[in-house]
Protein backbone atom coordinates (compact mmCIF):
# COMPACT_ATOMS: atom_id res chain seq x y z
CA MET A 1 6.02 12.24 37.53
CA ILE A 2 3.59 14.65 38.84
CA ARG A 3 4.67 18.04 39.29
CA SER A 4 7.54 19.60 37.65
CA ALA A 5 10.35 18.31 39.48
CA CYS A 6 12.54 16.05 41.44
CA LEU A 7 12.45 15.60 45.12
CA ILE A 8 15.04 15.21 47.73
CA ALA A 9 18.36 15.92 46.31
CA ALA A 10 20.59 12.99 45.36
CA LEU A 11 18.92 10.58 47.74
CA PHE A 12 16.25 9.58 45.30
CA PHE A 13 15.21 10.07 41.76
CA LEU A 14 11.90 11.72 41.05
CA ALA A 15 12.01 12.31 37.41
CA ALA A 16 8.44 11.67 37.31
CA CYS A 17 8.15 15.25 37.24
CA GLY A 18 10.27 15.51 34.40
CA GLY A 19 13.72 14.80 35.20
CA GLY A 20 16.59 13.57 36.92
CA GLY A 21 18.71 13.19 39.89
CA SER A 22 19.34 9.59 40.69
CA SER A 23 19.85 7.75 43.84
CA SER A 24 23.41 6.85 44.70
CA ASN A 25 25.08 4.58 47.22
CA VAL A 26 28.35 6.44 46.82
CA THR A 27 28.19 10.16 46.28
CA GLY A 28 31.00 11.54 44.17
CA SER A 29 32.06 14.93 42.88
CA THR A 30 30.19 16.64 40.07
CA THR A 31 32.23 17.20 36.94
CA ALA A 32 30.85 18.66 33.71
CA GLY A 33 31.15 16.24 30.84
CA SER A 34 31.87 13.29 33.07
CA GLY A 35 29.96 11.00 30.74
CA THR A 36 30.35 10.49 27.02
CA GLY A 37 27.72 7.98 26.09
CA THR A 38 28.59 5.28 23.66
CA GLY A 39 30.23 7.43 21.04
CA SER A 40 29.75 6.37 17.48
CA THR A 41 30.19 9.22 15.09
CA GLY A 42 29.88 7.88 11.61
CA SER A 43 27.37 5.19 12.47
CA SER A 44 23.90 5.31 11.01
CA GLY A 45 20.81 5.87 13.16
CA GLY A 46 19.83 2.28 13.72
CA SER A 47 17.89 0.53 16.43
CA GLY A 48 20.52 0.87 19.17
CA SER A 49 18.63 -1.75 21.17
CA GLY A 50 19.15 -5.03 19.38
CA SER A 51 15.39 -5.59 19.42
CA SER A 52 13.88 -7.34 16.41
CA ALA A 53 10.28 -6.18 16.84
CA SER A 54 9.16 -3.12 14.92
CA ASN A 55 7.89 -1.21 17.95
CA THR A 56 10.25 -2.06 20.76
CA ALA A 57 13.35 -0.88 22.57
CA VAL A 58 15.40 -2.59 25.27
CA ILE A 59 15.21 -1.25 28.86
CA THR A 60 18.11 -1.85 31.23
CA VAL A 61 18.11 -1.18 34.96
CA ASP A 62 21.72 -1.10 36.04
CA SER A 63 24.44 0.95 37.74
CA GLY A 64 24.34 3.85 35.27
CA PRO A 65 26.80 5.41 32.81
CA THR A 66 30.25 3.88 32.75
CA SER A 67 31.88 7.20 33.48
CA LEU A 68 30.33 7.27 36.93
CA GLN A 69 31.54 3.86 38.05
CA SER A 70 35.08 4.61 39.13
CA GLY A 71 37.44 7.23 40.57
CA SER A 72 36.21 10.43 42.19
CA ASN A 73 32.83 10.07 40.42
CA ALA A 74 32.11 6.63 41.86
CA TYR A 75 28.36 6.37 41.67
CA ILE A 76 25.77 3.63 41.65
CA SER A 77 22.25 4.39 40.43
CA ASP A 78 19.33 2.62 42.02
CA ASN A 79 16.08 1.71 40.25
CA VAL A 80 16.75 3.83 37.19
CA PRO A 81 15.58 2.43 33.83
CA TYR A 82 17.67 3.30 30.78
CA VAL A 83 17.33 3.05 27.03
CA THR A 84 19.76 3.79 24.20
CA VAL A 85 19.03 6.74 21.90
CA THR A 86 20.67 7.37 18.50
CA LEU A 87 20.90 11.04 17.56
CA CYS A 88 21.78 12.19 14.04
CA ALA A 89 22.13 15.53 12.31
CA PRO A 90 18.88 16.03 10.39
CA GLY A 91 18.91 13.98 7.20
CA SER A 92 22.29 12.43 7.88
CA THR A 93 23.11 8.71 8.20
CA THR A 94 26.77 9.34 9.00
CA ASN A 95 26.96 12.22 11.52
CA CYS A 96 25.32 10.27 14.32
CA GLN A 97 25.98 9.19 17.89
CA THR A 98 24.57 6.36 19.92
CA ILE A 99 23.96 7.53 23.47
CA ASP A 100 23.50 4.91 26.18
CA HIS A 101 22.01 5.29 29.64
CA VAL A 102 19.22 7.72 28.81
CA THR A 103 16.61 7.51 31.54
CA ILE A 104 13.06 6.55 30.58
CA ASP A 105 10.66 8.84 32.43
CA THR A 106 6.95 8.17 32.10
CA GLY A 107 6.24 11.24 34.25
CA SER A 108 7.72 13.93 32.00
CA VAL A 109 7.74 14.74 28.30
CA GLY A 110 10.57 15.54 25.93
CA LEU A 111 14.10 14.37 25.13
CA ARG A 112 16.91 16.02 27.12
CA ILE A 113 20.56 15.14 26.41
CA LEU A 114 23.62 16.48 28.23
CA ALA A 115 25.43 18.58 25.65
CA PRO A 116 28.91 17.62 27.01
CA VAL A 117 28.09 13.99 26.14
CA LEU A 118 27.72 14.84 22.45
CA ASN A 119 30.59 14.73 19.97
CA ALA A 120 31.57 18.27 18.91
CA SER A 121 31.01 17.49 15.24
CA LEU A 122 27.49 16.27 15.89
CA LEU A 123 26.55 19.12 18.28
CA SER A 124 27.61 21.73 15.76
CA ALA A 125 25.47 20.07 13.08
CA LEU A 126 22.30 20.06 15.11
CA PRO A 127 20.29 23.15 14.10
CA LEU A 128 19.14 25.56 16.80
CA GLU A 129 15.42 26.19 16.99
CA THR A 130 14.60 29.82 16.29
CA ASP A 131 11.74 32.09 17.32
CA THR A 132 9.84 34.83 15.49
CA GLN A 133 12.74 37.18 16.04
CA GLY A 134 15.13 34.83 14.33
CA ASN A 135 16.92 34.23 17.59
CA ALA A 136 17.83 30.84 19.12
CA VAL A 137 15.40 29.27 21.58
CA GLY A 138 16.38 28.04 25.03
CA GLU A 139 14.37 26.11 27.55
CA CYS A 140 14.30 25.75 31.33
CA TYR A 141 12.68 22.56 32.60
CA GLY A 142 11.97 22.52 36.33
CA PHE A 143 11.82 19.62 38.70
CA VAL A 144 10.79 19.60 42.37
CA ASP A 145 14.18 20.73 43.60
CA SER A 146 16.28 20.81 40.45
CA TYR A 147 16.24 21.99 36.89
CA MET A 148 17.79 21.65 33.39
CA PHE A 149 18.62 24.53 31.05
CA GLY A 150 20.07 24.70 27.60
CA SER A 151 19.40 25.16 23.90
CA VAL A 152 16.55 23.68 21.90
CA ARG A 153 18.03 21.90 18.91
CA GLN A 154 16.75 19.60 16.17
CA GLY A 155 17.93 16.10 15.41
CA ASP A 156 16.81 12.81 13.94
CA VAL A 157 16.04 10.67 17.01
CA THR A 158 15.91 6.87 17.00
CA VAL A 159 14.87 4.80 20.01
CA GLY A 160 14.86 1.04 19.41
CA SER A 161 13.22 0.57 16.00
CA LYS A 162 11.40 3.93 16.00
CA LYS A 163 12.54 7.22 14.51
CA VAL A 164 11.32 10.85 14.55
CA SER A 165 13.01 13.21 12.12
CA SER A 166 14.02 16.80 12.94
CA MET A 167 12.66 16.53 16.48
CA PRO A 168 13.40 19.34 18.93
CA PHE A 169 15.26 18.26 22.08
CA LEU A 170 16.96 20.09 24.93
CA ALA A 171 20.77 20.16 24.75
CA VAL A 172 21.38 20.58 28.48
CA ALA A 173 24.35 22.73 29.56
CA ASP A 174 25.01 23.99 26.07
CA THR A 175 27.58 26.80 25.70
CA GLY A 176 27.52 30.22 24.03
CA GLN A 177 24.51 32.35 24.87
CA PHE A 178 23.11 29.45 26.96
CA SER A 179 25.96 29.58 29.47
CA THR A 180 24.23 32.16 31.66
CA ILE A 181 21.04 30.74 33.14
CA PRO A 182 18.07 33.16 33.43
CA SER A 183 17.34 34.09 37.03
CA GLN A 184 13.71 32.94 36.73
CA CYS A 185 14.98 29.50 35.88
CA SER A 186 17.61 29.13 38.59
CA SER A 187 16.08 31.06 41.51
CA GLY A 188 14.67 28.69 44.07
CA ALA A 189 14.90 25.79 41.64
CA GLY A 190 17.53 23.81 43.52
CA THR A 191 20.22 21.72 41.85
CA ASN A 192 21.31 22.45 38.29
CA GLN A 193 21.41 19.05 36.57
CA ASN A 194 24.03 20.14 34.14
CA THR A 195 26.35 17.10 34.43
CA VAL A 196 26.05 13.38 34.01
CA ASN A 197 26.78 12.97 37.68
CA ALA A 198 24.03 15.35 38.74
CA ALA A 199 21.48 13.70 36.39
CA GLY A 200 22.71 10.14 36.96
CA ALA A 201 22.30 9.63 33.23
CA ASN A 202 23.41 10.87 29.80
CA GLY A 203 19.95 12.21 29.23
CA ILE A 204 16.23 11.83 29.90
CA LEU A 205 13.57 10.55 27.56
CA GLY A 206 10.21 11.84 28.84
CA ILE A 207 7.39 9.71 27.41
CA GLY A 208 4.58 10.65 29.77
CA LEU A 209 0.88 11.29 29.26
CA THR A 210 0.92 14.51 27.24
CA ALA A 211 1.80 15.15 23.58
CA THR A 212 4.22 18.03 24.33
CA ASP A 213 6.12 19.15 27.38
CA CYS A 214 4.12 22.30 28.13
CA GLY A 215 0.90 22.17 26.16
CA VAL A 216 -1.52 25.08 26.36
CA SER A 217 0.48 26.71 29.18
CA CYS A 218 3.31 27.74 26.89
CA THR A 219 0.95 29.18 24.27
CA LEU A 220 -0.25 31.85 26.67
CA SER A 221 1.80 34.87 27.72
CA GLY A 222 2.68 34.33 31.38
CA GLY A 223 0.96 30.95 31.51
CA TYR A 224 3.97 28.72 32.14
CA SER A 225 4.44 25.49 33.98
CA ALA A 226 7.40 23.18 34.32
CA ALA A 227 8.74 24.31 30.98
CA ILE A 228 9.73 27.90 30.17
CA TYR A 229 10.98 28.89 26.71
CA TYR A 230 13.33 31.81 26.15
CA ASP A 231 14.41 34.11 23.32
CA CYS A 232 18.19 33.71 23.19
CA PRO A 233 20.11 36.22 21.00
CA SER A 234 23.88 36.06 21.12
CA SER A 235 23.85 38.32 24.19
CA GLY A 236 22.03 35.63 26.24
CA CYS A 237 18.63 34.34 27.26
CA SER A 238 16.28 36.54 29.30
CA THR A 239 12.94 37.13 27.56
CA ILE A 240 10.25 34.44 27.99
CA ILE A 241 8.42 33.54 24.82
CA THR A 242 5.35 31.50 23.88
CA ARG A 243 5.57 28.34 21.82
CA THR A 244 2.72 26.56 20.04
CA SER A 245 1.80 23.01 21.01
CA SER A 246 1.99 20.35 18.29
CA SER A 247 2.99 16.71 18.45
CA SER A 248 3.75 16.64 14.74
CA ALA A 249 6.05 18.75 12.56
CA PRO A 250 6.57 21.64 12.51
CA PHE A 251 7.34 21.38 16.25
CA GLN A 252 7.86 24.32 18.60
CA GLN A 253 7.65 22.73 22.06
CA LEU A 254 9.55 19.56 22.86
CA PRO A 255 7.23 16.77 21.74
CA ASN A 256 6.60 13.42 23.32
CA PHE A 257 8.70 11.06 21.16
CA THR A 258 5.91 8.50 21.20
CA ALA A 259 3.18 10.98 20.20
CA ALA A 260 5.40 12.24 17.38
CA LEU A 261 5.56 8.82 15.71
CA SER A 262 3.49 8.17 12.60
CA VAL A 263 2.19 4.88 14.01
CA ASP A 264 2.20 3.24 17.44
CA ASN A 265 1.77 6.74 18.85
CA ASN A 266 -1.02 6.49 21.42
CA GLY A 267 1.09 5.46 24.40
CA VAL A 268 3.65 2.99 25.66
CA LEU A 269 3.89 -0.27 27.54
CA VAL A 270 6.76 -0.69 30.04
CA SER A 271 7.50 -4.33 30.78
CA LEU A 272 10.06 -5.38 33.41
CA PRO A 273 10.60 -8.80 34.96
CA ALA A 274 10.16 -9.54 38.66
CA ALA A 275 13.13 -8.82 40.88
CA THR A 276 14.68 -10.78 43.74
CA ALA A 277 13.56 -9.27 47.06
CA GLY A 278 17.11 -8.61 48.31
CA GLY A 279 18.11 -6.84 45.06
CA GLU A 280 19.85 -7.62 41.81
CA THR A 281 22.77 -6.21 39.83
CA SER A 282 20.65 -5.49 36.72
CA LEU A 283 17.44 -6.32 34.88
CA THR A 284 16.48 -6.16 31.23
CA GLY A 285 12.97 -5.38 30.03
CA THR A 286 11.15 -4.02 27.03
CA LEU A 287 9.59 -0.70 26.02
CA TYR A 288 6.73 -1.18 23.56
CA PHE A 289 5.50 1.81 21.54
CA GLY A 290 1.76 1.95 21.00
CA ILE A 291 -1.16 0.38 22.86
CA GLY A 292 -3.35 -2.09 21.04
CA THR A 293 -1.63 -1.25 17.79
CA GLU A 294 0.40 -4.46 17.40
CA THR A 295 0.10 -8.06 18.58
CA ASN A 296 2.65 -7.39 21.34
CA ASN A 297 1.03 -4.36 23.04
CA ALA A 298 -2.64 -5.32 23.59
CA LEU A 299 -4.31 -4.08 26.75
CA GLY A 300 -5.95 -7.47 27.16
CA SER A 301 -7.40 -7.84 30.66
CA ALA A 302 -5.37 -4.94 32.17
CA THR A 303 -7.27 -2.64 34.52
CA VAL A 304 -7.46 0.84 33.01
CA LEU A 305 -7.27 3.71 35.45
CA PRO A 306 -8.07 7.07 33.76
CA THR A 307 -6.06 9.94 35.26
CA THR A 308 -6.87 13.59 35.67
CA THR A 309 -7.01 15.29 32.28
CA ASP A 310 -5.20 18.49 33.30
CA THR A 311 -1.83 16.95 32.50
CA SER A 312 -0.41 19.78 30.40
CA GLN A 313 1.73 21.18 33.18
CA PHE A 314 3.39 18.07 34.50
CA GLY A 315 3.49 15.33 31.86
CA THR A 316 1.53 12.97 34.10
CA GLY A 317 -1.95 12.67 35.55
CA PHE A 318 -3.29 11.72 38.98
CA ILE A 319 -5.25 8.81 40.30
CA THR A 320 -6.44 8.17 43.87
CA ALA A 321 -4.66 5.77 46.19
CA ASN A 322 -6.86 4.56 49.08
CA PHE A 323 -4.42 3.74 51.84
CA ASN A 324 -4.70 3.66 55.63
CA GLY A 325 -8.16 5.22 55.50
CA GLN A 326 -6.98 8.10 53.33
CA SER A 327 -7.95 8.99 49.80
CA LEU A 328 -4.69 10.29 48.33
CA ASN A 329 -5.92 11.98 45.13
CA GLN A 330 -2.55 13.14 43.78
CA SER A 331 -1.09 9.68 43.35
CA TYR A 332 0.67 8.43 40.25
CA ILE A 333 2.70 5.66 38.60
CA ASP A 334 6.11 6.75 37.30
CA SER A 335 9.22 5.07 36.01
CA GLY A 336 11.26 8.17 36.81
CA THR A 337 10.65 7.92 40.55
CA ASN A 338 13.01 5.34 41.95
CA LEU A 339 11.11 4.32 45.09
CA TYR A 340 7.68 4.22 46.67
CA LEU A 341 6.85 7.63 48.20
CA PHE A 342 4.14 7.89 50.85
CA SER A 343 3.67 8.71 54.54
CA ASP A 344 3.02 6.02 57.18
CA THR A 345 4.13 6.70 60.73
CA ALA A 346 3.54 3.06 61.65
CA ILE A 347 6.58 1.98 59.58
CA THR A 348 9.97 2.36 61.23
CA GLY A 349 12.07 5.03 59.56
CA CYS A 350 15.76 4.85 58.90
CA THR A 351 18.26 6.92 60.91
CA GLY A 352 21.54 8.66 60.26
CA SER A 353 22.40 9.23 56.62
CA TYR A 354 19.36 7.15 55.59
CA VAL A 355 16.76 9.39 57.21
CA GLY A 356 13.70 9.66 55.00
CA TYR A 357 13.74 6.07 53.90
CA TYR A 358 11.79 3.29 55.63
CA CYS A 359 13.72 0.66 57.61
CA PRO A 360 11.29 -1.94 58.92
CA ALA A 361 12.92 -4.87 60.75
CA THR A 362 11.22 -7.24 58.34
CA THR A 363 9.61 -6.51 55.01
CA ASP A 364 6.17 -4.98 55.33
CA THR A 365 3.37 -5.81 52.91
CA LEU A 366 0.94 -2.95 52.43
CA SER A 367 -2.48 -3.00 50.79
CA VAL A 368 -3.30 -0.07 48.49
CA THR A 369 -6.40 0.33 46.33
CA LEU A 370 -5.78 2.46 43.24
CA GLN A 371 -8.77 4.23 41.76
CA GLY A 372 -9.10 5.92 38.42
CA GLN A 373 -11.09 9.09 37.67
CA ASN A 374 -14.03 6.98 36.48
CA GLY A 375 -14.23 5.04 39.74
CA THR A 376 -12.54 1.87 38.42
CA SER A 377 -10.26 0.42 41.07
CA GLU A 378 -7.62 -2.25 41.57
CA ALA A 379 -6.11 -3.49 44.81
CA VAL A 380 -2.35 -3.95 44.86
CA SER A 381 0.26 -5.09 47.37
CA VAL A 382 3.33 -2.98 48.02
CA GLN A 383 6.44 -4.50 49.63
CA VAL A 384 8.51 -2.18 51.85
CA ALA A 385 11.94 -3.49 52.73
CA ASN A 386 14.71 -2.15 54.94
CA ALA A 387 16.22 0.63 52.81
CA GLN A 388 19.51 0.76 54.65
CA ALA A 389 20.06 -2.94 54.00
CA LEU A 390 19.26 -2.41 50.34
CA LEU A 391 21.32 0.73 49.83
CA THR A 392 24.48 -0.72 51.39
CA THR A 393 24.60 -3.45 48.76
CA THR A 394 26.13 -2.99 45.32
CA PHE A 395 22.84 -3.83 43.69
CA SER A 396 21.08 -1.41 41.36
CA VAL A 397 17.69 -3.20 41.34
CA LEU A 398 16.10 -2.60 44.73
CA PRO A 399 12.44 -3.76 44.68
CA GLY A 400 11.41 -2.76 48.21
CA LEU A 401 12.87 0.73 48.35
CA ALA A 402 10.45 3.22 49.94
CA GLY A 403 10.49 6.54 51.80
CA ASP A 404 8.43 9.30 53.38
CA PRO A 405 8.73 12.64 51.50
CA ASN A 406 7.94 14.50 54.73
CA ASN A 407 11.12 13.15 56.34
CA PHE A 408 13.55 14.02 53.55
CA SER A 409 15.21 17.40 53.45
CA GLY A 410 13.99 19.66 50.65
CA ASP A 411 10.71 20.96 49.32
CA THR A 412 7.93 18.41 49.90
CA THR A 413 5.06 20.84 49.35
CA GLY A 414 2.08 19.17 47.75
CA TYR A 415 2.96 15.57 48.68
CA SER A 416 0.50 15.16 51.57
CA ASN A 417 -2.04 13.67 49.13
CA THR A 418 0.39 11.45 47.27
CA PHE A 419 1.26 7.81 47.05
CA ALA A 420 3.95 7.61 44.36
CA LEU A 421 4.38 4.21 42.75
CA GLY A 422 7.94 4.40 41.43
CA LEU A 423 10.05 1.85 39.64
CA PRO A 424 9.74 -0.85 42.34
CA PHE A 425 6.05 -1.09 41.34
CA PHE A 426 7.10 -1.91 37.76
CA TYR A 427 9.04 -5.09 38.66
CA GLY A 428 7.05 -8.10 37.51
CA ARG A 429 4.35 -5.96 35.79
CA ASN A 430 3.31 -4.74 32.38
CA ILE A 431 2.25 -1.09 32.81
CA PHE A 432 0.62 1.01 30.07
CA PHE A 433 0.65 4.78 29.76
CA GLY A 434 -2.07 6.17 27.45
CA ILE A 435 -1.43 9.65 26.02
CA GLU A 436 -3.93 12.46 26.47
CA GLY A 437 -6.11 13.09 23.38
CA LYS A 438 -5.42 9.66 21.87
CA THR A 439 -7.36 6.41 22.01
CA ALA A 440 -6.46 2.76 22.43
CA GLY A 441 -9.45 0.91 21.02
CA THR A 442 -12.38 2.21 23.03
CA VAL A 443 -10.21 3.67 25.82
CA SER A 444 -9.20 7.33 25.75
CA GLY A 445 -6.07 8.78 27.30
CA PRO A 446 -4.73 9.84 29.65
CA PHE A 447 -4.61 6.66 31.65
CA PHE A 448 -2.47 4.12 33.53
CA ALA A 449 -3.23 0.44 33.05
CA PHE A 450 -1.74 -2.77 34.40
């Protein structure tokens, strides 16, 4: 989503900023390597989604990785969209692994996979990125109150029917010299999302509004944002390094998978069906690569809302939400945020262990006018349901889930001007995300459109 992080501990998922932490009805213990993905060493890097179109992948909103569904790790994710990713050693069609339950995050950029999920034979065959000193490269990616750290490796990455060869990705919680996390990464950064339980997923696929995860910031000494790259000799990672920004090979920063494609690379369309108000067990939708590049991803009559263009630090841009007489100019639309986030003292808040969420006696319908940077606007209705009633079900699709960031514990700095339209806003809509520096017909990114 917006900034570089995730808000409010395990109560809700704000990957928008880049990464993870999912919402859970049952909180379990955190165990490294608690998820394995759908292991398939020896399979070729195919579609992994079952989709027949040339530019699509299947999205599933469900209860999360199988490893988190029972025993001491019992865990139910809420409003988290997943895709399946196939990762192969560069150039190989046999040393591959299909990894399910990788979160789709339109508010961050870059692929991040939990290293303990990967088969040992595959992990060892994925080359480490190196710097000008010939040393391995590590990365710290920060979220609002959490972070991920690990090695930067190369692999052939397939999502649905699309493939990028030798693409850098973050192997989170890798071993060796990456076992000790640099103090600048961990200090004040909150939870280390180094397990499947902590992340609520086997990985994160950031396909936001920028071409790389750090942009110009990481090309300047000392000019860092959410992403920080490190020189990592065998003795460990400590020295911060610069990395050039390129969405095509040779890569140095983690690229946006979409931007790195040879075609259908100007953005994505996320399409999810409408959800029953009281919740559902699961939903299946479609991720379309490209905007206006195929017959299935045309903008058509969608309202285009250009975002702020300074997206290089966060992977997303801002629009303005006019709500309750306020012009909230740091608002955004993000699949990695699992609820609506905004402040409204007129709505009854939850109590007890549900403090921070909204608990109106009956569902409230709010009117919000979203405005792009060019003045174009669109009025939308937002449904706010009783969060306690939703969260005490076994459903994973919760369309009315909403909360006030000022009433959650944790760092809420910078959210006073925010109306975050998380995954509940996606149900029943087709939402486009145009990448900065690219065009869709006559429209230039970055933009949201629906």
